[in-house]
Amino acid sequence: MLLASYGCDSAARESVAPDEVTDLLDDGAMLAHLEFLADDSLYGRRAGSTHELQAAEYIKQEFMSYGLEGGVPSYLQSFDFDFGGILTSQNVLGVLTGHGSLAGQWVIVGAHYDHLGFNQISSDSVE
């Protein structure tokens, strides 16, 4: 899983304080997230599959529970891609805006959460 974060300038918006979010992301919480996303029940989160959508919905709900704003109103930005047929995937967008002297600054956290899926060697795919 790839994880990246970026800082950006923006107009100040009301949001949860950054330290409130980081206080929620202790080692146990991070491990629980990784265990859910890596669980066999998601069959590898193949891009465009119902299992990838389950992972996206999980991430969306976690972003909401942490008080992050949606980068788009639904938090999910769908897009189509061709992978031997047109598939639909989604980005999950959450925004943590700065407060105080950091008002107008953003932290954008991105993660590549889809994967090849289960039994990618076979021509059969698990949906």
Protein backbone atom coordinates (compact mmCIF):
# COMPACT_ATOMS: atom_id res chain seq x y z
CA MET A 1 0.00 0.00 0.00
CA LEU A 2 1.40 3.39 -0.97
CA LEU A 3 0.77 6.35 1.32
CA ALA A 4 1.65 9.94 0.51
CA SER A 5 0.83 13.33 2.00
CA TYR A 6 1.09 16.79 0.52
CA GLY A 7 0.80 20.29 1.94
CA CYS A 8 -1.08 22.95 -0.02
CA ASP A 9 -2.22 26.54 0.38
CA SER A 10 -5.93 27.24 0.45
CA ALA A 11 -8.49 29.62 1.81
CA ALA A 12 -9.19 28.81 5.45
CA ARG A 13 -12.23 26.58 6.09
CA GLU A 14 -13.71 25.23 9.30
CA SER A 15 -12.45 21.74 10.06
CA VAL A 16 -11.28 19.50 12.84
CA ALA A 17 -7.99 20.54 14.45
CA PRO A 18 -4.98 18.57 13.15
CA ASP A 19 -3.93 17.42 16.61
CA GLU A 20 -7.43 16.00 17.19
CA VAL A 21 -7.00 13.73 14.16
CA THR A 22 -3.45 12.65 14.94
CA ASP A 23 -4.49 11.81 18.51
CA LEU A 24 -6.96 9.30 17.02
CA LEU A 25 -4.35 7.61 14.82
CA ASP A 26 -2.36 5.68 17.37
CA ASP A 27 -0.55 2.42 16.58
CA GLY A 28 -3.58 0.30 17.49
CA ALA A 29 -5.92 2.27 15.20
CA MET A 30 -3.47 2.12 12.30
CA LEU A 31 -3.06 -1.64 12.77
CA ALA A 32 -6.84 -2.12 12.83
CA HIS A 33 -7.17 -0.19 9.54
CA LEU A 34 -4.42 -2.22 7.91
CA GLU A 35 -5.92 -5.48 9.13
CA PHE A 36 -9.33 -4.58 7.67
CA LEU A 37 -7.94 -3.48 4.30
CA ALA A 38 -5.62 -6.51 4.02
CA ASP A 39 -8.23 -9.03 5.14
CA ASP A 40 -8.92 -11.96 2.81
CA SER A 41 -12.63 -11.03 2.78
CA LEU A 42 -11.79 -8.13 0.43
CA TYR A 43 -10.18 -10.55 -2.07
CA GLY A 44 -7.26 -8.24 -2.75
CA ARG A 45 -9.35 -5.11 -3.52
CA ARG A 46 -9.03 -5.51 -7.29
CA ALA A 47 -9.53 -2.15 -9.02
CA GLY A 48 -13.10 -1.84 -10.23
CA SER A 49 -14.42 -4.70 -8.07
CA THR A 50 -17.13 -4.61 -5.42
CA HIS A 51 -14.41 -5.42 -2.87
CA GLU A 52 -12.46 -2.31 -3.83
CA LEU A 53 -15.67 -0.30 -3.38
CA GLN A 54 -16.06 -1.83 0.10
CA ALA A 55 -12.55 -0.61 0.93
CA ALA A 56 -13.35 2.86 -0.43
CA GLU A 57 -16.53 3.05 1.65
CA TYR A 58 -14.56 1.95 4.73
CA ILE A 59 -11.97 4.69 4.16
CA LYS A 60 -14.74 7.25 3.55
CA GLN A 61 -16.45 6.34 6.84
CA GLU A 62 -13.15 6.56 8.70
CA PHE A 63 -12.41 9.99 7.18
CA MET A 64 -15.86 11.15 8.29
CA SER A 65 -15.41 9.73 11.81
CA TYR A 66 -12.13 11.64 12.11
CA GLY A 67 -13.89 14.86 11.12
CA LEU A 68 -12.13 15.26 7.78
CA GLU A 69 -13.96 17.23 5.14
CA GLY A 70 -14.68 15.63 1.81
CA GLY A 71 -12.42 16.74 -1.01
CA VAL A 72 -15.62 16.36 -3.06
CA PRO A 73 -19.13 16.34 -1.54
CA SER A 74 -19.43 12.52 -1.45
CA TYR A 75 -15.75 11.94 -0.55
CA LEU A 76 -15.67 9.52 -3.52
CA GLN A 77 -14.44 10.64 -6.93
CA SER A 78 -15.36 7.94 -9.45
CA PHE A 79 -13.51 7.42 -12.70
CA ASP A 80 -13.54 4.84 -15.47
CA PHE A 81 -10.48 3.07 -16.85
CA ASP A 82 -9.88 0.39 -19.45
CA PHE A 83 -8.41 -2.84 -18.13
CA GLY A 84 -9.55 -5.33 -20.72
CA GLY A 85 -12.96 -3.66 -20.41
CA ILE A 86 -14.22 -0.47 -18.85
CA LEU A 87 -14.09 -0.61 -15.04
CA THR A 88 -15.11 2.04 -12.52
CA SER A 89 -12.92 2.87 -9.55
CA GLN A 90 -12.80 5.77 -7.12
CA ASN A 91 -10.48 8.04 -5.29
CA VAL A 92 -11.36 8.76 -1.66
CA LEU A 93 -10.71 12.41 -0.87
CA GLY A 94 -10.41 13.75 2.67
CA VAL A 95 -9.10 17.18 3.62
CA LEU A 96 -7.54 18.31 6.87
CA THR A 97 -7.29 22.10 6.91
CA GLY A 98 -4.86 24.02 9.06
CA HIS A 99 -5.81 26.14 12.07
CA GLY A 100 -4.25 29.14 13.75
CA SER A 101 -0.96 30.08 12.08
CA LEU A 102 -1.52 27.22 9.62
CA ALA A 103 -4.97 28.43 8.53
CA GLY A 104 -5.03 28.34 4.75
CA GLN A 105 -2.76 25.26 4.68
CA TRP A 106 -3.98 21.78 3.83
CA VAL A 107 -2.68 18.32 4.47
CA ILE A 108 -3.76 15.91 1.77
CA VAL A 109 -3.28 12.24 2.54
CA GLY A 110 -3.47 9.81 -0.33
CA ALA A 111 -3.22 6.06 -0.37
CA HIS A 112 -3.22 3.56 -3.20
CA TYR A 113 -5.69 1.11 -1.69
CA ASP A 114 -6.65 -1.12 -4.63
CA HIS A 115 -4.58 -4.08 -5.73
CA LEU A 116 -4.47 -6.85 -8.31
CA GLY A 117 -7.14 -8.84 -6.59
CA PHE A 118 -7.40 -12.47 -5.63
CA ASN A 119 -5.81 -15.14 -7.84
CA GLN A 120 -4.62 -12.63 -10.44
CA ILE A 121 -2.86 -15.39 -12.39
CA SER A 122 -6.19 -16.94 -13.34
CA SER A 123 -8.32 -15.45 -16.11
CA ASP A 124 -11.28 -15.69 -13.74
CA SER A 125 -11.83 -12.72 -11.44
CA VAL A 126 -13.53 -12.65 -8.10
CA GLU A 127 -16.13 -9.93 -7.86
